[in-house]
């Protein structure tokens, strides 16, 4: 479903940690996708270009930005409304 909604590239950047080492607009786009639920954090934590810790999906509360549960909610709503965001 991420691929259909064109979030798969952002998810790849988040999973590899590159999102936090590229230009600012890339990181901001990834953060927006995490907050909305279109993407979720990887299974292991990463560090950004400044050495700050980016948590894994297991280090955030269920249902909050970056959690798997937040993504389930996002895509469930998207299917319910038939929207392509």
C-alpha atoms as a PDB file:
ATOM      1  CA  UNK A   1       0.000   0.000   0.000  1.00  0.00           C
ATOM      2  CA  UNK A   2       2.922   2.371   0.664  1.00  0.00           C
ATOM      3  CA  UNK A   3       4.001   1.859  -2.905  1.00  0.00           C
ATOM      4  CA  UNK A   4       0.531   2.677  -4.252  1.00  0.00           C
ATOM      5  CA  UNK A   5       0.511   5.902  -2.253  1.00  0.00           C
ATOM      6  CA  UNK A   6       4.149   6.623  -3.166  1.00  0.00           C
ATOM      7  CA  UNK A   7       5.516   6.524   0.377  1.00  0.00           C
ATOM      8  CA  UNK A   8       7.814   3.556  -0.282  1.00  0.00           C
ATOM      9  CA  UNK A   9      10.817   5.761  -1.130  1.00  0.00           C
ATOM     10  CA  UNK A  10      10.448   7.706   2.107  1.00  0.00           C
ATOM     11  CA  UNK A  11      10.133   4.432   4.036  1.00  0.00           C
ATOM     12  CA  UNK A  12      13.388   3.195   2.448  1.00  0.00           C
ATOM     13  CA  UNK A  13      15.172   6.398   3.518  1.00  0.00           C
ATOM     14  CA  UNK A  14      13.842   5.997   7.071  1.00  0.00           C
ATOM     15  CA  UNK A  15      14.784   2.301   7.238  1.00  0.00           C
ATOM     16  CA  UNK A  16      18.371   2.898   6.090  1.00  0.00           C
ATOM     17  CA  UNK A  17      18.853   6.046   8.177  1.00  0.00           C
ATOM     18  CA  UNK A  18      19.642   8.145   5.094  1.00  0.00           C
ATOM     19  CA  UNK A  19      16.614  10.347   5.791  1.00  0.00           C
ATOM     20  CA  UNK A  20      18.467  11.899   8.727  1.00  0.00           C
ATOM     21  CA  UNK A  21      21.720  12.468   6.835  1.00  0.00           C
ATOM     22  CA  UNK A  22      20.376  14.176   3.708  1.00  0.00           C
ATOM     23  CA  UNK A  23      19.232  17.733   3.079  1.00  0.00           C
ATOM     24  CA  UNK A  24      16.746  19.191   5.539  1.00  0.00           C
ATOM     25  CA  UNK A  25      13.666  18.947   3.341  1.00  0.00           C
ATOM     26  CA  UNK A  26      14.110  15.166   3.036  1.00  0.00           C
ATOM     27  CA  UNK A  27      14.180  14.717   6.803  1.00  0.00           C
ATOM     28  CA  UNK A  28      11.172  17.007   7.191  1.00  0.00           C
ATOM     29  CA  UNK A  29       9.205  15.033   4.584  1.00  0.00           C
ATOM     30  CA  UNK A  30      10.072  11.809   6.408  1.00  0.00           C
ATOM     31  CA  UNK A  31       9.048  13.295   9.765  1.00  0.00           C
ATOM     32  CA  UNK A  32       5.717  14.376   8.282  1.00  0.00           C
ATOM     33  CA  UNK A  33       5.197  10.824   6.966  1.00  0.00           C
ATOM     34  CA  UNK A  34       6.029   9.383  10.404  1.00  0.00           C
ATOM     35  CA  UNK A  35       3.652  11.754  12.172  1.00  0.00           C
ATOM     36  CA  UNK A  36       0.786  11.029   9.782  1.00  0.00           C
ATOM     37  CA  UNK A  37       1.351   7.267   9.907  1.00  0.00           C
ATOM     38  CA  UNK A  38       2.230   6.903   6.229  1.00  0.00           C
ATOM     39  CA  UNK A  39       5.623   5.537   7.350  1.00  0.00           C
ATOM     40  CA  UNK A  40       6.960   3.956  10.532  1.00  0.00           C
ATOM     41  CA  UNK A  41      10.335   3.794  12.249  1.00  0.00           C
ATOM     42  CA  UNK A  42      12.737   0.909  11.508  1.00  0.00           C
ATOM     43  CA  UNK A  43      13.309  -2.043  13.841  1.00  0.00           C
ATOM     44  CA  UNK A  44      16.624  -0.636  15.067  1.00  0.00           C
ATOM     45  CA  UNK A  45      17.554   2.876  16.158  1.00  0.00           C
ATOM     46  CA  UNK A  46      19.721   5.158  14.008  1.00  0.00           C
ATOM     47  CA  UNK A  47      21.696   8.366  14.444  1.00  0.00           C
ATOM     48  CA  UNK A  48      21.223  11.551  12.479  1.00  0.00           C
ATOM     49  CA  UNK A  49      24.025  13.628  10.929  1.00  0.00           C
ATOM     50  CA  UNK A  50      24.592  15.337  14.294  1.00  0.00           C
ATOM     51  CA  UNK A  51      24.778  12.140  16.333  1.00  0.00           C
ATOM     52  CA  UNK A  52      21.263  12.414  17.800  1.00  0.00           C
ATOM     53  CA  UNK A  53      19.476   9.127  18.390  1.00  0.00           C
ATOM     54  CA  UNK A  54      16.499   8.307  16.168  1.00  0.00           C
ATOM     55  CA  UNK A  55      14.506   5.651  18.053  1.00  0.00           C
ATOM     56  CA  UNK A  56      13.280   2.352  16.657  1.00  0.00           C
ATOM     57  CA  UNK A  57       9.566   1.611  16.383  1.00  0.00           C
ATOM     58  CA  UNK A  58       9.917  -0.445  19.575  1.00  0.00           C
ATOM     59  CA  UNK A  59      11.215   2.554  21.539  1.00  0.00           C
ATOM     60  CA  UNK A  60       8.148   4.755  20.984  1.00  0.00           C
ATOM     61  CA  UNK A  61       4.725   4.346  22.555  1.00  0.00           C
ATOM     62  CA  UNK A  62       2.160   2.350  20.599  1.00  0.00           C
ATOM     63  CA  UNK A  63      -0.077   4.564  18.492  1.00  0.00           C
ATOM     64  CA  UNK A  64       2.312   7.533  18.459  1.00  0.00           C
ATOM     65  CA  UNK A  65       4.325   9.001  15.575  1.00  0.00           C
ATOM     66  CA  UNK A  66       6.670   6.412  14.092  1.00  0.00           C
ATOM     67  CA  UNK A  67       4.936   3.397  15.623  1.00  0.00           C
ATOM     68  CA  UNK A  68       3.626   0.520  13.550  1.00  0.00           C
ATOM     69  CA  UNK A  69       0.183   0.958  15.117  1.00  0.00           C
ATOM     70  CA  UNK A  70       0.046   4.562  13.881  1.00  0.00           C
ATOM     71  CA  UNK A  71       0.676   3.293  10.339  1.00  0.00           C
ATOM     72  CA  UNK A  72      -2.047   0.670  10.641  1.00  0.00           C
ATOM     73  CA  UNK A  73      -4.470   3.431  11.638  1.00  0.00           C
ATOM     74  CA  UNK A  74      -3.365   5.642   8.724  1.00  0.00           C
ATOM     75  CA  UNK A  75      -3.815   2.923   6.085  1.00  0.00           C
ATOM     76  CA  UNK A  76      -7.055   1.643   7.606  1.00  0.00           C
ATOM     77  CA  UNK A  77      -8.453   5.166   7.330  1.00  0.00           C
ATOM     78  CA  UNK A  78      -7.100   5.517   3.796  1.00  0.00           C
ATOM     79  CA  UNK A  79      -8.840   2.300   2.747  1.00  0.00           C
ATOM     80  CA  UNK A  80     -12.068   3.365   4.440  1.00  0.00           C
ATOM     81  CA  UNK A  81     -12.155   6.635   2.557  1.00  0.00           C
ATOM     82  CA  UNK A  82     -10.718   5.282  -0.684  1.00  0.00           C
ATOM     83  CA  UNK A  83      -8.254   8.153  -0.685  1.00  0.00           C
ATOM     84  CA  UNK A  84      -4.841   8.231  -2.315  1.00  0.00           C
ATOM     85  CA  UNK A  85      -3.479  11.061  -0.155  1.00  0.00           C
END
